[in-house]
Amino acid sequence: MDALHPKALGARLLFWAPVWVPAVLCVQIGARGLLPELRRSRRIAAQESRMAERVERNEARRGRLEADLEKLGDPVYRERVRRSLEVAGSPPLTLDREYVGTLAPR
């Protein structure tokens, strides 16, 4: 019965404090810090791959838009577009359909 006495219990807790305090601290760090951070890291890695795909698509689109802009600045291309508008019965030359003998989809 002496081991359950409050003084004896307090003495035992203090004696073992160098063991259980770091253990409790490690559990808290793991549960409240490390595990959520590992989940966050996995989530960010998945988002990174999706973002890389989006960047690749946007860079390809940017290349196409820059080519279109270059075409629109070319006087020869503008003249071809103007002439295609004058030809009756044929669809006009647009950026979506480039004229190469016949109208071919892009």
PDB file of N, CA and C in Angstrom:
ATOM      1  N   MET A   1       0.812  -1.183   0.000  1.00  0.00           N
ATOM      2  CA  MET A   1       0.000   0.000   0.000  1.00  0.00           C
ATOM      3  C   MET A   1       0.861   1.254   0.000  1.00  0.00           C
ATOM      4  N   ASP A   2       2.095   1.084   0.434  1.00  0.00           N
ATOM      5  CA  ASP A   2       2.970   2.236   0.538  1.00  0.00           C
ATOM      6  C   ASP A   2       3.302   2.826  -0.842  1.00  0.00           C
ATOM      7  N   ALA A   3       3.325   2.017  -1.906  1.00  0.00           N
ATOM      8  CA  ALA A   3       3.653   2.480  -3.255  1.00  0.00           C
ATOM      9  C   ALA A   3       2.564   3.370  -3.821  1.00  0.00           C
ATOM     10  N   LEU A   4       1.336   3.254  -3.313  1.00  0.00           N
ATOM     11  CA  LEU A   4       0.236   4.070  -3.817  1.00  0.00           C
ATOM     12  C   LEU A   4       0.083   5.370  -3.047  1.00  0.00           C
ATOM     13  N   HIS A   5       0.859   5.559  -2.047  1.00  0.00           N
ATOM     14  CA  HIS A   5       0.816   6.792  -1.263  1.00  0.00           C
ATOM     15  C   HIS A   5       1.221   7.958  -2.180  1.00  0.00           C
ATOM     16  N   PRO A   6       0.542   9.108  -2.086  1.00  0.00           N
ATOM     17  CA  PRO A   6       0.824  10.236  -2.981  1.00  0.00           C
ATOM     18  C   PRO A   6       2.282  10.667  -2.985  1.00  0.00           C
ATOM     19  N   LYS A   7       2.950  10.646  -1.868  1.00  0.00           N
ATOM     20  CA  LYS A   7       4.359  11.036  -1.829  1.00  0.00           C
ATOM     21  C   LYS A   7       5.218  10.027  -2.583  1.00  0.00           C
ATOM     22  N   ALA A   8       4.924   8.761  -2.385  1.00  0.00           N
ATOM     23  CA  ALA A   8       5.696   7.713  -3.062  1.00  0.00           C
ATOM     24  C   ALA A   8       5.442   7.747  -4.566  1.00  0.00           C
ATOM     25  N   LEU A   9       4.185   7.974  -4.949  1.00  0.00           N
ATOM     26  CA  LEU A   9       3.836   8.054  -6.368  1.00  0.00           C
ATOM     27  C   LEU A   9       4.533   9.247  -7.016  1.00  0.00           C
ATOM     28  N   GLY A  10       4.523  10.387  -6.330  1.00  0.00           N
ATOM     29  CA  GLY A  10       5.211  11.578  -6.848  1.00  0.00           C
ATOM     30  C   GLY A  10       6.702  11.350  -6.984  1.00  0.00           C
ATOM     31  N   ALA A  11       7.284  10.677  -6.008  1.00  0.00           N
ATOM     32  CA  ALA A  11       8.723  10.396  -6.060  1.00  0.00           C
ATOM     33  C   ALA A  11       9.052   9.487  -7.235  1.00  0.00           C
ATOM     34  N   ARG A  12       8.206   8.488  -7.471  1.00  0.00           N
ATOM     35  CA  ARG A  12       8.448   7.578  -8.600  1.00  0.00           C
ATOM     36  C   ARG A  12       8.307   8.299  -9.938  1.00  0.00           C
ATOM     37  N   LEU A  13       7.287   9.153 -10.046  1.00  0.00           N
ATOM     38  CA  LEU A  13       7.101   9.914 -11.292  1.00  0.00           C
ATOM     39  C   LEU A  13       8.303  10.819 -11.545  1.00  0.00           C
ATOM     40  N   LEU A  14       8.799  11.478 -10.515  1.00  0.00           N
ATOM     41  CA  LEU A  14       9.973  12.322 -10.681  1.00  0.00           C
ATOM     42  C   LEU A  14      11.212  11.505 -11.016  1.00  0.00           C
ATOM     43  N   PHE A  15      11.326  10.325 -10.407  1.00  0.00           N
ATOM     44  CA  PHE A  15      12.476   9.462 -10.682  1.00  0.00           C
ATOM     45  C   PHE A  15      12.505   9.051 -12.153  1.00  0.00           C
ATOM     46  N   TRP A  16      11.327   8.715 -12.698  1.00  0.00           N
ATOM     47  CA  TRP A  16      11.248   8.256 -14.080  1.00  0.00           C
ATOM     48  C   TRP A  16      10.996   9.397 -15.078  1.00  0.00           C
ATOM     49  N   ALA A  17      10.951  10.620 -14.647  1.00  0.00           N
ATOM     50  CA  ALA A  17      10.705  11.770 -15.530  1.00  0.00           C
ATOM     51  C   ALA A  17      11.690  11.848 -16.701  1.00  0.00           C
ATOM     52  N   PRO A  18      12.991  11.563 -16.507  1.00  0.00           N
ATOM     53  CA  PRO A  18      13.896  11.614 -17.658  1.00  0.00           C
ATOM     54  C   PRO A  18      13.541  10.594 -18.754  1.00  0.00           C
ATOM     55  N   VAL A  19      12.729   9.628 -18.440  1.00  0.00           N
ATOM     56  CA  VAL A  19      12.317   8.645 -19.442  1.00  0.00           C
ATOM     57  C   VAL A  19      10.999   9.040 -20.084  1.00  0.00           C
ATOM     58  N   TRP A  20       9.988   9.347 -19.258  1.00  0.00           N
ATOM     59  CA  TRP A  20       8.666   9.558 -19.834  1.00  0.00           C
ATOM     60  C   TRP A  20       8.470  10.945 -20.434  1.00  0.00           C
ATOM     61  N   VAL A  21       9.201  11.969 -19.979  1.00  0.00           N
ATOM     62  CA  VAL A  21       9.056  13.314 -20.564  1.00  0.00           C
ATOM     63  C   VAL A  21       9.522  13.311 -22.031  1.00  0.00           C
ATOM     64  N   PRO A  22      10.715  12.790 -22.349  1.00  0.00           N
ATOM     65  CA  PRO A  22      11.100  12.736 -23.763  1.00  0.00           C
ATOM     66  C   PRO A  22      10.184  11.825 -24.590  1.00  0.00           C
ATOM     67  N   ALA A  23       9.686  10.744 -23.970  1.00  0.00           N
ATOM     68  CA  ALA A  23       8.777   9.851 -24.696  1.00  0.00           C
ATOM     69  C   ALA A  23       7.483  10.580 -25.054  1.00  0.00           C
ATOM     70  N   VAL A  24       6.932  11.314 -24.100  1.00  0.00           N
ATOM     71  CA  VAL A  24       5.712  12.089 -24.369  1.00  0.00           C
ATOM     72  C   VAL A  24       5.997  13.160 -25.411  1.00  0.00           C
ATOM     73  N   LEU A  25       7.138  13.794 -25.312  1.00  0.00           N
ATOM     74  CA  LEU A  25       7.515  14.821 -26.274  1.00  0.00           C
ATOM     75  C   LEU A  25       7.649  14.245 -27.683  1.00  0.00           C
ATOM     76  N   CYS A  26       8.281  13.077 -27.790  1.00  0.00           N
ATOM     77  CA  CYS A  26       8.420  12.427 -29.098  1.00  0.00           C
ATOM     78  C   CYS A  26       7.063  12.052 -29.687  1.00  0.00           C
ATOM     79  N   VAL A  27       6.173  11.556 -28.854  1.00  0.00           N
ATOM     80  CA  VAL A  27       4.826  11.212 -29.328  1.00  0.00           C
ATOM     81  C   VAL A  27       4.112  12.463 -29.824  1.00  0.00           C
ATOM     82  N   GLN A  28       4.223  13.562 -29.090  1.00  0.00           N
ATOM     83  CA  GLN A  28       3.582  14.809 -29.517  1.00  0.00           C
ATOM     84  C   GLN A  28       4.175  15.311 -30.821  1.00  0.00           C
ATOM     85  N   ILE A  29       5.476  15.288 -30.942  1.00  0.00           N
ATOM     86  CA  ILE A  29       6.119  15.740 -32.180  1.00  0.00           C
ATOM     87  C   ILE A  29       5.679  14.868 -33.350  1.00  0.00           C
ATOM     88  N   GLY A  30       5.635  13.562 -33.115  1.00  0.00           N
ATOM     89  CA  GLY A  30       5.219  12.654 -34.186  1.00  0.00           C
ATOM     90  C   GLY A  30       3.769  12.836 -34.572  1.00  0.00           C
ATOM     91  N   ALA A  31       2.900  12.942 -33.597  1.00  0.00           N
ATOM     92  CA  ALA A  31       1.466  13.009 -33.882  1.00  0.00           C
ATOM     93  C   ALA A  31       1.035  14.380 -34.379  1.00  0.00           C
ATOM     94  N   ARG A  32       1.630  15.421 -33.848  1.00  0.00           N
ATOM     95  CA  ARG A  32       1.179  16.764 -34.204  1.00  0.00           C
ATOM     96  C   ARG A  32       2.083  17.475 -35.193  1.00  0.00           C
ATOM     97  N   GLY A  33       3.255  16.941 -35.439  1.00  0.00           N
ATOM     98  CA  GLY A  33       4.181  17.634 -36.326  1.00  0.00           C
ATOM     99  C   GLY A  33       4.633  16.799 -37.502  1.00  0.00           C
ATOM    100  N   LEU A  34       5.186  15.652 -37.213  1.00  0.00           N
ATOM    101  CA  LEU A  34       5.794  14.854 -38.258  1.00  0.00           C
ATOM    102  C   LEU A  34       4.762  14.202 -39.178  1.00  0.00           C
ATOM    103  N   LEU A  35       3.771  13.544 -38.617  1.00  0.00           N
ATOM    104  CA  LEU A  35       2.787  12.856 -39.456  1.00  0.00           C
ATOM    105  C   LEU A  35       2.010  13.810 -40.362  1.00  0.00           C
ATOM    106  N   PRO A  36       1.494  14.924 -39.853  1.00  0.00           N
ATOM    107  CA  PRO A  36       0.823  15.862 -40.760  1.00  0.00           C
ATOM    108  C   PRO A  36       1.766  16.409 -41.835  1.00  0.00           C
ATOM    109  N   GLU A  37       3.012  16.611 -41.481  1.00  0.00           N
ATOM    110  CA  GLU A  37       3.968  17.126 -42.466  1.00  0.00           C
ATOM    111  C   GLU A  37       4.266  16.088 -43.539  1.00  0.00           C
ATOM    112  N   LEU A  38       4.339  14.829 -43.176  1.00  0.00           N
ATOM    113  CA  LEU A  38       4.536  13.769 -44.172  1.00  0.00           C
ATOM    114  C   LEU A  38       3.342  13.686 -45.115  1.00  0.00           C
ATOM    115  N   ARG A  39       2.106  13.807 -44.570  1.00  0.00           N
ATOM    116  CA  ARG A  39       0.907  13.816 -45.423  1.00  0.00           C
ATOM    117  C   ARG A  39       0.938  15.008 -46.361  1.00  0.00           C
ATOM    118  N   ARG A  40       1.310  16.152 -45.822  1.00  0.00           N
ATOM    119  CA  ARG A  40       1.380  17.371 -46.640  1.00  0.00           C
ATOM    120  C   ARG A  40       2.426  17.213 -47.748  1.00  0.00           C
ATOM    121  N   SER A  41       3.535  16.606 -47.425  1.00  0.00           N
ATOM    122  CA  SER A  41       4.601  16.391 -48.401  1.00  0.00           C
ATOM    123  C   SER A  41       4.126  15.495 -49.548  1.00  0.00           C
ATOM    124  N   ARG A  42       3.399  14.423 -49.211  1.00  0.00           N
ATOM    125  CA  ARG A  42       2.866  13.538 -50.260  1.00  0.00           C
ATOM    126  C   ARG A  42       1.861  14.274 -51.134  1.00  0.00           C
ATOM    127  N   ARG A  43       1.008  15.083 -50.503  1.00  0.00           N
ATOM    128  CA  ARG A  43       0.006  15.843 -51.253  1.00  0.00           C
ATOM    129  C   ARG A  43       0.678  16.839 -52.208  1.00  0.00           C
ATOM    130  N   ILE A  44       1.725  17.498 -51.732  1.00  0.00           N
ATOM    131  CA  ILE A  44       2.438  18.468 -52.567  1.00  0.00           C
ATOM    132  C   ILE A  44       3.130  17.756 -53.725  1.00  0.00           C
ATOM    133  N   ALA A  45       3.682  16.574 -53.489  1.00  0.00           N
ATOM    134  CA  ALA A  45       4.332  15.825 -54.567  1.00  0.00           C
ATOM    135  C   ALA A  45       3.325  15.466 -55.654  1.00  0.00           C
ATOM    136  N   ALA A  46       2.114  15.077 -55.262  1.00  0.00           N
ATOM    137  CA  ALA A  46       1.081  14.756 -56.256  1.00  0.00           C
ATOM    138  C   ALA A  46       0.677  16.015 -57.019  1.00  0.00           C
ATOM    139  N   GLN A  47       0.560  17.124 -56.328  1.00  0.00           N
ATOM    140  CA  GLN A  47       0.203  18.376 -56.994  1.00  0.00           C
ATOM    141  C   GLN A  47       1.321  18.845 -57.914  1.00  0.00           C
ATOM    142  N   GLU A  48       2.549  18.553 -57.551  1.00  0.00           N
ATOM    143  CA  GLU A  48       3.681  18.965 -58.374  1.00  0.00           C
ATOM    144  C   GLU A  48       3.637  18.277 -59.736  1.00  0.00           C
ATOM    145  N   SER A  49       3.307  16.990 -59.767  1.00  0.00           N
ATOM    146  CA  SER A  49       3.248  16.290 -61.047  1.00  0.00           C
ATOM    147  C   SER A  49       2.113  16.836 -61.908  1.00  0.00           C
ATOM    148  N   ARG A  50       0.956  17.135 -61.274  1.00  0.00           N
ATOM    149  CA  ARG A  50      -0.148  17.730 -62.040  1.00  0.00           C
ATOM    150  C   ARG A  50       0.237  19.114 -62.561  1.00  0.00           C
ATOM    151  N   MET A  51       0.954  19.875 -61.741  1.00  0.00           N
ATOM    152  CA  MET A  51       1.370  21.214 -62.160  1.00  0.00           C
ATOM    153  C   MET A  51       2.372  21.131 -63.309  1.00  0.00           C
ATOM    154  N   ALA A  52       3.259  20.158 -63.277  1.00  0.00           N
ATOM    155  CA  ALA A  52       4.234  19.989 -64.363  1.00  0.00           C
ATOM    156  C   ALA A  52       3.510  19.700 -65.677  1.00  0.00           C
ATOM    157  N   GLU A  53       2.464  18.881 -65.627  1.00  0.00           N
ATOM    158  CA  GLU A  53       1.681  18.610 -66.840  1.00  0.00           C
ATOM    159  C   GLU A  53       1.018  19.882 -67.351  1.00  0.00           C
ATOM    160  N   ARG A  54       0.459  20.674 -66.443  1.00  0.00           N
ATOM    161  CA  ARG A  54      -0.182  21.929 -66.849  1.00  0.00           C
ATOM    162  C   ARG A  54       0.824  22.887 -67.464  1.00  0.00           C
ATOM    163  N   VAL A  55       2.013  22.972 -66.872  1.00  0.00           N
ATOM    164  CA  VAL A  55       3.049  23.857 -67.403  1.00  0.00           C
ATOM    165  C   VAL A  55       3.444  23.411 -68.806  1.00  0.00           C
ATOM    166  N   GLU A  56       3.582  22.109 -68.994  1.00  0.00           N
ATOM    167  CA  GLU A  56       3.943  21.582 -70.320  1.00  0.00           C
ATOM    168  C   GLU A  56       2.875  21.929 -71.353  1.00  0.00           C
ATOM    169  N   ARG A  57       1.587  21.735 -70.986  1.00  0.00           N
ATOM    170  CA  ARG A  57       0.502  22.085 -71.915  1.00  0.00           C
ATOM    171  C   ARG A  57       0.490  23.576 -72.221  1.00  0.00           C
ATOM    172  N   ASN A  58       0.704  24.387 -71.191  1.00  0.00           N
ATOM    173  CA  ASN A  58       0.687  25.835 -71.396  1.00  0.00           C
ATOM    174  C   ASN A  58       1.870  26.306 -72.244  1.00  0.00           C
ATOM    175  N   GLU A  59       3.021  25.675 -72.074  1.00  0.00           N
ATOM    176  CA  GLU A  59       4.170  26.039 -72.905  1.00  0.00           C
ATOM    177  C   GLU A  59       3.933  25.669 -74.368  1.00  0.00           C
ATOM    178  N   ALA A  60       3.296  24.515 -74.592  1.00  0.00           N
ATOM    179  CA  ALA A  60       2.972  24.132 -75.972  1.00  0.00           C
ATOM    180  C   ALA A  60       1.964  25.119 -76.562  1.00  0.00           C
ATOM    181  N   ARG A  61       0.972  25.479 -75.766  1.00  0.00           N
ATOM    182  CA  ARG A  61      -0.033  26.450 -76.238  1.00  0.00           C
ATOM    183  C   ARG A  61       0.628  27.799 -76.509  1.00  0.00           C
ATOM    184  N   ARG A  62       1.547  28.201 -75.652  1.00  0.00           N
ATOM    185  CA  ARG A  62       2.247  29.463 -75.858  1.00  0.00           C
ATOM    186  C   ARG A  62       3.017  29.437 -77.174  1.00  0.00           C
ATOM    187  N   GLY A  63       3.659  28.313 -77.482  1.00  0.00           N
ATOM    188  CA  GLY A  63       4.381  28.187 -78.754  1.00  0.00           C
ATOM    189  C   GLY A  63       3.450  28.351 -79.941  1.00  0.00           C
ATOM    190  N   ARG A  64       2.258  27.719 -79.851  1.00  0.00           N
ATOM    191  CA  ARG A  64       1.301  27.857 -80.955  1.00  0.00           C
ATOM    192  C   ARG A  64       0.818  29.298 -81.083  1.00  0.00           C
ATOM    193  N   LEU A  65       0.552  29.949 -79.945  1.00  0.00           N
ATOM    194  CA  LEU A  65       0.083  31.335 -79.985  1.00  0.00           C
ATOM    195  C   LEU A  65       1.161  32.277 -80.513  1.00  0.00           C
ATOM    196  N   GLU A  66       2.418  32.027 -80.154  1.00  0.00           N
ATOM    197  CA  GLU A  66       3.499  32.854 -80.685  1.00  0.00           C
ATOM    198  C   GLU A  66       3.637  32.672 -82.188  1.00  0.00           C
ATOM    199  N   ALA A  67       3.454  31.432 -82.663  1.00  0.00           N
ATOM    200  CA  ALA A  67       3.494  31.193 -84.114  1.00  0.00           C
ATOM    201  C   ALA A  67       2.345  31.919 -84.803  1.00  0.00           C
ATOM    202  N   ASP A  68       1.160  31.880 -84.194  1.00  0.00           N
ATOM    203  CA  ASP A  68       0.014  32.589 -84.761  1.00  0.00           C
ATOM    204  C   ASP A  68       0.271  34.094 -84.796  1.00  0.00           C
ATOM    205  N   LEU A  69       0.856  34.615 -83.738  1.00  0.00           N
ATOM    206  CA  LEU A  69       1.159  36.040 -83.684  1.00  0.00           C
ATOM    207  C   LEU A  69       2.165  36.418 -84.767  1.00  0.00           C
ATOM    208  N   GLU A  70       3.144  35.555 -84.967  1.00  0.00           N
ATOM    209  CA  GLU A  70       4.132  35.806 -86.013  1.00  0.00           C
ATOM    210  C   GLU A  70       3.473  35.798 -87.391  1.00  0.00           C
ATOM    211  N   LYS A  71       2.549  34.857 -87.600  1.00  0.00           N
ATOM    212  CA  LYS A  71       1.827  34.822 -88.881  1.00  0.00           C
ATOM    213  C   LYS A  71       1.036  36.095 -89.103  1.00  0.00           C
ATOM    214  N   LEU A  72       0.355  36.551 -88.052  1.00  0.00           N
ATOM    215  CA  LEU A  72      -0.479  37.748 -88.191  1.00  0.00           C
ATOM    216  C   LEU A  72       0.361  38.988 -88.473  1.00  0.00           C
ATOM    217  N   GLY A  73       1.604  38.990 -88.057  1.00  0.00           N
ATOM    218  CA  GLY A  73       2.490  40.113 -88.336  1.00  0.00           C
ATOM    219  C   GLY A  73       3.147  40.030 -89.700  1.00  0.00           C
ATOM    220  N   ASP A  74       3.019  38.919 -90.391  1.00  0.00           N
ATOM    221  CA  ASP A  74       3.658  38.711 -91.688  1.00  0.00           C
ATOM    222  C   ASP A  74       2.784  39.291 -92.798  1.00  0.00           C
ATOM    223  N   PRO A  75       3.301  40.242 -93.569  1.00  0.00           N
ATOM    224  CA  PRO A  75       2.482  40.837 -94.625  1.00  0.00           C
ATOM    225  C   PRO A  75       2.078  39.826 -95.706  1.00  0.00           C
ATOM    226  N   VAL A  76       2.924  38.843 -95.980  1.00  0.00           N
ATOM    227  CA  VAL A  76       2.586  37.838 -96.989  1.00  0.00           C
ATOM    228  C   VAL A  76       1.378  37.020 -96.520  1.00  0.00           C
ATOM    229  N   TYR A  77       1.379  36.623 -95.259  1.00  0.00           N
ATOM    230  CA  TYR A  77       0.251  35.847 -94.730  1.00  0.00           C
ATOM    231  C   TYR A  77      -1.032  36.678 -94.755  1.00  0.00           C
ATOM    232  N   ARG A  78      -0.931  37.946 -94.366  1.00  0.00           N
ATOM    233  CA  ARG A  78      -2.120  38.803 -94.389  1.00  0.00           C
ATOM    234  C   ARG A  78      -2.665  38.947 -95.805  1.00  0.00           C
ATOM    235  N   GLU A  79      -1.777  39.027 -96.763  1.00  0.00           N
ATOM    236  CA  GLU A  79      -2.228  39.117 -98.156  1.00  0.00           C
ATOM    237  C   GLU A  79      -2.918  37.825 -98.585  1.00  0.00           C
ATOM    238  N   ARG A  80      -2.385  36.687 -98.173  1.00  0.00           N
ATOM    239  CA  ARG A  80      -3.032  35.405 -98.507  1.00  0.00           C
ATOM    240  C   ARG A  80      -4.423  35.332 -97.890  1.00  0.00           C
ATOM    241  N   VAL A  81      -4.557  35.826 -96.654  1.00  0.00           N
ATOM    242  CA  VAL A  81      -5.871  35.837 -96.001  1.00  0.00           C
ATOM    243  C   VAL A  81      -6.814  36.749 -96.763  1.00  0.00           C
ATOM    244  N   ARG A  82      -6.340  37.933 -97.153  1.00  0.00           N
ATOM    245  CA  ARG A  82      -7.182  38.869 -97.903  1.00  0.00           C
ATOM    246  C   ARG A  82      -7.650  38.255 -99.214  1.00  0.00           C
ATOM    247  N   ARG A  83      -6.748  37.595 -99.922  1.00  0.00           N
ATOM    248  CA  ARG A  83      -7.121  36.956-101.196  1.00  0.00           C
ATOM    249  C   ARG A  83      -8.090  35.793-100.968  1.00  0.00           C
ATOM    250  N   SER A  84      -7.920  35.066 -99.861  1.00  0.00           N
ATOM    251  CA  SER A  84      -8.839  33.945 -99.609  1.00  0.00           C
ATOM    252  C   SER A  84     -10.251  34.450 -99.340  1.00  0.00           C
ATOM    253  N   LEU A  85     -10.379  35.666 -98.850  1.00  0.00           N
ATOM    254  CA  LEU A  85     -11.701  36.240 -98.621  1.00  0.00           C
ATOM    255  C   LEU A  85     -12.369  36.663 -99.931  1.00  0.00           C
ATOM    256  N   GLU A  86     -11.557  36.915-100.944  1.00  0.00           N
ATOM    257  CA  GLU A  86     -12.104  37.341-102.240  1.00  0.00           C
ATOM    258  C   GLU A  86     -12.590  36.173-103.079  1.00  0.00           C
ATOM    259  N   VAL A  87     -12.078  34.970-102.837  1.00  0.00           N
ATOM    260  CA  VAL A  87     -12.443  33.792-103.631  1.00  0.00           C
ATOM    261  C   VAL A  87     -13.823  33.323-103.194  1.00  0.00           C
ATOM    262  N   ALA A  88     -14.759  33.354-104.137  1.00  0.00           N
ATOM    263  CA  ALA A  88     -16.129  32.943-103.821  1.00  0.00           C
ATOM    264  C   ALA A  88     -16.214  31.425-103.750  1.00  0.00           C
ATOM    265  N   GLY A  89     -16.987  30.930-102.802  1.00  0.00           N
ATOM    266  CA  GLY A  89     -17.235  29.492-102.713  1.00  0.00           C
ATOM    267  C   GLY A  89     -16.218  28.703-101.918  1.00  0.00           C
ATOM    268  N   SER A  90     -15.143  29.324-101.495  1.00  0.00           N
ATOM    269  CA  SER A  90     -14.167  28.586-100.688  1.00  0.00           C
ATOM    270  C   SER A  90     -14.109  29.211 -99.296  1.00  0.00           C
ATOM    271  N   PRO A  91     -13.864  28.386 -98.286  1.00  0.00           N
ATOM    272  CA  PRO A  91     -13.780  28.942 -96.934  1.00  0.00           C
ATOM    273  C   PRO A  91     -12.552  29.843 -96.812  1.00  0.00           C
ATOM    274  N   PRO A  92     -12.631  30.881 -96.029  1.00  0.00           N
ATOM    275  CA  PRO A  92     -11.495  31.790 -95.896  1.00  0.00           C
ATOM    276  C   PRO A  92     -10.343  31.156 -95.130  1.00  0.00           C
ATOM    277  N   LEU A  93      -9.167  31.650 -95.423  1.00  0.00           N
ATOM    278  CA  LEU A  93      -7.976  31.199 -94.705  1.00  0.00           C
ATOM    279  C   LEU A  93      -8.009  31.814 -93.309  1.00  0.00           C
ATOM    280  N   THR A  94      -7.891  30.973 -92.300  1.00  0.00           N
ATOM    281  CA  THR A  94      -7.862  31.451 -90.917  1.00  0.00           C
ATOM    282  C   THR A  94      -6.670  30.828 -90.213  1.00  0.00           C
ATOM    283  N   LEU A  95      -6.469  31.208 -88.965  1.00  0.00           N
ATOM    284  CA  LEU A  95      -5.365  30.616 -88.207  1.00  0.00           C
ATOM    285  C   LEU A  95      -5.610  29.137 -87.941  1.00  0.00           C
ATOM    286  N   ASP A  96      -6.876  28.722 -87.892  1.00  0.00           N
ATOM    287  CA  ASP A  96      -7.176  27.318 -87.655  1.00  0.00           C
ATOM    288  C   ASP A  96      -6.999  26.469 -88.907  1.00  0.00           C
ATOM    289  N   ARG A  97      -7.061  27.105 -90.071  1.00  0.00           N
ATOM    290  CA  ARG A  97      -6.916  26.369 -91.337  1.00  0.00           C
ATOM    291  C   ARG A  97      -5.894  27.080 -92.198  1.00  0.00           C
ATOM    292  N   GLU A  98      -4.748  26.490 -92.313  1.00  0.00           N
ATOM    293  CA  GLU A  98      -3.688  27.108 -93.112  1.00  0.00           C
ATOM    294  C   GLU A  98      -3.823  26.663 -94.556  1.00  0.00           C
ATOM    295  N   TYR A  99      -3.561  27.586 -95.461  1.00  0.00           N
ATOM    296  CA  TYR A  99      -3.722  27.301 -96.892  1.00  0.00           C
ATOM    297  C   TYR A  99      -2.440  26.695 -97.438  1.00  0.00           C
ATOM    298  N   VAL A 100      -2.538  25.460 -97.896  1.00  0.00           N
ATOM    299  CA  VAL A 100      -1.387  24.792 -98.524  1.00  0.00           C
ATOM    300  C   VAL A 100      -1.928  24.068 -99.744  1.00  0.00           C
ATOM    301  N   GLY A 101      -2.261  24.799-100.779  1.00  0.00           N
ATOM    302  CA  GLY A 101      -2.845  24.187-101.972  1.00  0.00           C
ATOM    303  C   GLY A 101      -4.316  23.924-101.754  1.00  0.00           C
ATOM    304  N   THR A 102      -4.648  23.224-100.706  1.00  0.00           N
ATOM    305  CA  THR A 102      -6.033  23.017-100.301  1.00  0.00           C
ATOM    306  C   THR A 102      -6.133  23.396 -98.843  1.00  0.00           C
ATOM    307  N   LEU A 103      -7.328  23.536 -98.358  1.00  0.00           N
ATOM    308  CA  LEU A 103      -7.478  23.869 -96.951  1.00  0.00           C
ATOM    309  C   LEU A 103      -7.263  22.617 -96.127  1.00  0.00           C
ATOM    310  N   ALA A 104      -6.289  22.639 -95.281  1.00  0.00           N
ATOM    311  CA  ALA A 104      -5.963  21.471 -94.459  1.00  0.00           C
ATOM    312  C   ALA A 104      -6.119  21.839 -92.992  1.00  0.00           C
ATOM    313  N   PRO A 105      -6.705  20.938 -92.199  1.00  0.00           N
ATOM    314  CA  PRO A 105      -6.801  21.252 -90.772  1.00  0.00           C
ATOM    315  C   PRO A 105      -5.437  21.303 -90.128  1.00  0.00           C
ATOM    316  N   ARG A 106      -5.328  22.038 -89.115  1.00  0.00           N
ATOM    317  CA  ARG A 106      -4.076  22.234 -88.397  1.00  0.00           C
ATOM    318  C   ARG A 106      -3.671  21.018 -87.605  1.00  0.00           C
TER     319      ARG A 106
END
